[in-house]
């Protein structure tokens, strides 16, 4: 679920680049990975992102092949939350991206908010 932490990442990302492309995981890929569909459907998530002034382009991600997206869009930096730093997947991405001249930039987590926290609130926890 989109929250202020996501907005902060978009804002800080735009401060470091001329053209910001944002990937949205398709509903099907989300289900394939997490065995559940997102609360907000991909069409609406795309519309939300397209309305944000920091975002220049929104693309759908229907696979976990992030290197393909980097190459196809000639991306020179990928921005992501610091909660992914040091994870097995992102260590691999850093190496792959580096081979095509793309760096990974990590942004600090926004304290007090996460999709997990929002889900818990919705469930009355």
C-alpha atoms as a PDB file:
ATOM      1  CA  UNK A   1       0.000   0.000   0.000  1.00  0.00           C
ATOM      2  CA  UNK A   2       1.289   3.404  -0.940  1.00  0.00           C
ATOM      3  CA  UNK A   3       2.324   5.526   2.039  1.00  0.00           C
ATOM      4  CA  UNK A   4       4.502   8.504   2.971  1.00  0.00           C
ATOM      5  CA  UNK A   5       7.646   6.359   2.970  1.00  0.00           C
ATOM      6  CA  UNK A   6       7.070   5.566  -0.700  1.00  0.00           C
ATOM      7  CA  UNK A   7       6.472   9.253  -1.435  1.00  0.00           C
ATOM      8  CA  UNK A   8       9.726  10.130   0.323  1.00  0.00           C
ATOM      9  CA  UNK A   9      11.633   7.652  -1.857  1.00  0.00           C
ATOM     10  CA  UNK A  10      10.088   9.141  -5.012  1.00  0.00           C
ATOM     11  CA  UNK A  11      10.895  12.693  -3.916  1.00  0.00           C
ATOM     12  CA  UNK A  12      14.499  11.880  -3.002  1.00  0.00           C
ATOM     13  CA  UNK A  13      14.927   9.845  -6.190  1.00  0.00           C
ATOM     14  CA  UNK A  14      13.776  12.749  -8.360  1.00  0.00           C
ATOM     15  CA  UNK A  15      16.232  15.028  -6.578  1.00  0.00           C
ATOM     16  CA  UNK A  16      19.032  12.789  -7.914  1.00  0.00           C
ATOM     17  CA  UNK A  17      17.889  12.291 -11.491  1.00  0.00           C
ATOM     18  CA  UNK A  18      16.516  14.095 -14.529  1.00  0.00           C
ATOM     19  CA  UNK A  19      13.929  11.500 -15.536  1.00  0.00           C
ATOM     20  CA  UNK A  20      12.299   9.193 -13.012  1.00  0.00           C
ATOM     21  CA  UNK A  21      10.825   5.894 -14.180  1.00  0.00           C
ATOM     22  CA  UNK A  22       8.833   3.993 -11.558  1.00  0.00           C
ATOM     23  CA  UNK A  23       8.096   0.284 -11.828  1.00  0.00           C
ATOM     24  CA  UNK A  24       4.804  -1.144 -10.603  1.00  0.00           C
ATOM     25  CA  UNK A  25       4.613  -4.859  -9.920  1.00  0.00           C
ATOM     26  CA  UNK A  26       1.672  -6.391 -11.754  1.00  0.00           C
ATOM     27  CA  UNK A  27      -1.071  -8.014  -9.719  1.00  0.00           C
ATOM     28  CA  UNK A  28      -0.174 -11.406 -11.211  1.00  0.00           C
ATOM     29  CA  UNK A  29       3.511 -11.146 -10.323  1.00  0.00           C
ATOM     30  CA  UNK A  30       2.559 -10.054  -6.813  1.00  0.00           C
ATOM     31  CA  UNK A  31       0.321 -13.100  -6.450  1.00  0.00           C
ATOM     32  CA  UNK A  32       3.002 -15.379  -7.872  1.00  0.00           C
ATOM     33  CA  UNK A  33       5.551 -14.108  -5.335  1.00  0.00           C
ATOM     34  CA  UNK A  34       3.414 -13.567  -2.222  1.00  0.00           C
ATOM     35  CA  UNK A  35       0.384 -15.808  -2.814  1.00  0.00           C
ATOM     36  CA  UNK A  36      -1.929 -12.824  -2.366  1.00  0.00           C
ATOM     37  CA  UNK A  37      -3.137  -9.948  -4.492  1.00  0.00           C
ATOM     38  CA  UNK A  38      -2.379  -6.334  -3.589  1.00  0.00           C
ATOM     39  CA  UNK A  39      -5.077  -4.374  -1.769  1.00  0.00           C
ATOM     40  CA  UNK A  40      -4.910  -1.695  -4.480  1.00  0.00           C
ATOM     41  CA  UNK A  41      -5.015  -3.082  -8.034  1.00  0.00           C
ATOM     42  CA  UNK A  42      -2.211  -2.365 -10.505  1.00  0.00           C
ATOM     43  CA  UNK A  43      -4.338  -0.033 -12.647  1.00  0.00           C
ATOM     44  CA  UNK A  44      -5.049   2.204  -9.653  1.00  0.00           C
ATOM     45  CA  UNK A  45      -1.439   2.030  -8.418  1.00  0.00           C
ATOM     46  CA  UNK A  46      -0.299   3.189 -11.854  1.00  0.00           C
ATOM     47  CA  UNK A  47      -2.809   6.059 -11.794  1.00  0.00           C
ATOM     48  CA  UNK A  48      -1.651   7.148  -8.342  1.00  0.00           C
ATOM     49  CA  UNK A  49       1.983   7.209  -9.437  1.00  0.00           C
ATOM     50  CA  UNK A  50       1.253   8.983 -12.708  1.00  0.00           C
ATOM     51  CA  UNK A  51      -0.386  11.790 -10.712  1.00  0.00           C
ATOM     52  CA  UNK A  52       2.721  12.409  -8.601  1.00  0.00           C
ATOM     53  CA  UNK A  53       4.796  15.325  -9.857  1.00  0.00           C
ATOM     54  CA  UNK A  54       8.118  13.586  -9.184  1.00  0.00           C
ATOM     55  CA  UNK A  55       7.283  10.688 -11.546  1.00  0.00           C
ATOM     56  CA  UNK A  56       8.008  11.033 -15.266  1.00  0.00           C
ATOM     57  CA  UNK A  57       7.017   7.552 -16.429  1.00  0.00           C
ATOM     58  CA  UNK A  58       5.394   4.460 -14.923  1.00  0.00           C
ATOM     59  CA  UNK A  59       6.059   0.961 -16.251  1.00  0.00           C
ATOM     60  CA  UNK A  60       4.539  -2.368 -15.316  1.00  0.00           C
ATOM     61  CA  UNK A  61       6.892  -5.058 -14.049  1.00  0.00           C
ATOM     62  CA  UNK A  62       5.641  -8.513 -14.923  1.00  0.00           C
ATOM     63  CA  UNK A  63       8.828 -10.393 -14.036  1.00  0.00           C
ATOM     64  CA  UNK A  64      11.621 -10.239 -11.497  1.00  0.00           C
ATOM     65  CA  UNK A  65      14.185  -9.675 -14.265  1.00  0.00           C
ATOM     66  CA  UNK A  66      15.228  -6.218 -13.101  1.00  0.00           C
ATOM     67  CA  UNK A  67      18.348  -6.249 -15.292  1.00  0.00           C
ATOM     68  CA  UNK A  68      16.154  -6.483 -18.389  1.00  0.00           C
ATOM     69  CA  UNK A  69      14.247  -3.370 -17.293  1.00  0.00           C
ATOM     70  CA  UNK A  70      17.504  -1.522 -16.563  1.00  0.00           C
ATOM     71  CA  UNK A  71      18.866  -2.350 -20.018  1.00  0.00           C
ATOM     72  CA  UNK A  72      15.629  -1.657 -21.929  1.00  0.00           C
ATOM     73  CA  UNK A  73      15.208   1.752 -20.307  1.00  0.00           C
ATOM     74  CA  UNK A  74      18.911   2.706 -20.236  1.00  0.00           C
ATOM     75  CA  UNK A  75      18.725   3.231 -16.480  1.00  0.00           C
ATOM     76  CA  UNK A  76      21.860   4.511 -14.760  1.00  0.00           C
ATOM     77  CA  UNK A  77      20.550   4.416 -11.166  1.00  0.00           C
ATOM     78  CA  UNK A  78      17.989   2.360  -9.285  1.00  0.00           C
ATOM     79  CA  UNK A  79      16.540   3.774  -6.072  1.00  0.00           C
ATOM     80  CA  UNK A  80      15.256   1.524  -3.306  1.00  0.00           C
ATOM     81  CA  UNK A  81      14.597   1.543   0.425  1.00  0.00           C
ATOM     82  CA  UNK A  82      17.499   0.711   2.729  1.00  0.00           C
ATOM     83  CA  UNK A  83      15.543  -2.199   4.190  1.00  0.00           C
ATOM     84  CA  UNK A  84      16.670  -4.156   1.095  1.00  0.00           C
ATOM     85  CA  UNK A  85      20.369  -3.283   1.477  1.00  0.00           C
ATOM     86  CA  UNK A  86      22.508  -6.360   2.089  1.00  0.00           C
ATOM     87  CA  UNK A  87      19.774  -8.801   1.103  1.00  0.00           C
ATOM     88  CA  UNK A  88      20.758 -11.687  -1.132  1.00  0.00           C
ATOM     89  CA  UNK A  89      18.641 -10.401  -4.025  1.00  0.00           C
ATOM     90  CA  UNK A  90      19.950  -6.845  -3.883  1.00  0.00           C
ATOM     91  CA  UNK A  91      23.588  -7.906  -3.560  1.00  0.00           C
ATOM     92  CA  UNK A  92      22.999  -9.817  -6.817  1.00  0.00           C
ATOM     93  CA  UNK A  93      21.268  -6.820  -8.440  1.00  0.00           C
ATOM     94  CA  UNK A  94      24.117  -4.492  -7.446  1.00  0.00           C
ATOM     95  CA  UNK A  95      26.602  -6.752  -9.253  1.00  0.00           C
ATOM     96  CA  UNK A  96      24.410  -7.184 -12.349  1.00  0.00           C
ATOM     97  CA  UNK A  97      23.576  -3.487 -12.595  1.00  0.00           C
ATOM     98  CA  UNK A  98      27.191  -2.476 -12.074  1.00  0.00           C
ATOM     99  CA  UNK A  99      28.182  -4.494 -15.144  1.00  0.00           C
ATOM    100  CA  UNK A 100      25.955  -2.242 -17.306  1.00  0.00           C
ATOM    101  CA  UNK A 101      26.879   1.059 -15.610  1.00  0.00           C
ATOM    102  CA  UNK A 102      23.898   1.277 -13.267  1.00  0.00           C
ATOM    103  CA  UNK A 103      24.269   1.959  -9.554  1.00  0.00           C
ATOM    104  CA  UNK A 104      21.907   1.189  -6.680  1.00  0.00           C
ATOM    105  CA  UNK A 105      21.048   4.051  -4.326  1.00  0.00           C
ATOM    106  CA  UNK A 106      19.484   3.178  -0.971  1.00  0.00           C
ATOM    107  CA  UNK A 107      17.273   5.578   0.959  1.00  0.00           C
ATOM    108  CA  UNK A 108      16.655   5.355   4.683  1.00  0.00           C
ATOM    109  CA  UNK A 109      13.366   3.926   5.862  1.00  0.00           C
ATOM    110  CA  UNK A 110      10.701   6.417   6.977  1.00  0.00           C
ATOM    111  CA  UNK A 111      10.185   5.670  10.673  1.00  0.00           C
ATOM    112  CA  UNK A 112       6.770   4.660  11.929  1.00  0.00           C
ATOM    113  CA  UNK A 113       5.193   3.579   8.647  1.00  0.00           C
ATOM    114  CA  UNK A 114       5.176   0.510   6.443  1.00  0.00           C
ATOM    115  CA  UNK A 115       2.689  -1.501   4.434  1.00  0.00           C
ATOM    116  CA  UNK A 116       2.780  -4.097   7.216  1.00  0.00           C
ATOM    117  CA  UNK A 117       1.810  -1.445   9.794  1.00  0.00           C
ATOM    118  CA  UNK A 118      -1.040  -0.229   7.564  1.00  0.00           C
ATOM    119  CA  UNK A 119      -2.354  -3.780   7.088  1.00  0.00           C
ATOM    120  CA  UNK A 120      -2.321  -4.333  10.842  1.00  0.00           C
ATOM    121  CA  UNK A 121      -4.286  -1.126  11.379  1.00  0.00           C
ATOM    122  CA  UNK A 122      -6.846  -2.188   8.769  1.00  0.00           C
ATOM    123  CA  UNK A 123      -7.213  -5.514  10.571  1.00  0.00           C
ATOM    124  CA  UNK A 124      -7.773  -3.750  13.881  1.00  0.00           C
ATOM    125  CA  UNK A 125      -4.499  -4.854  15.405  1.00  0.00           C
END
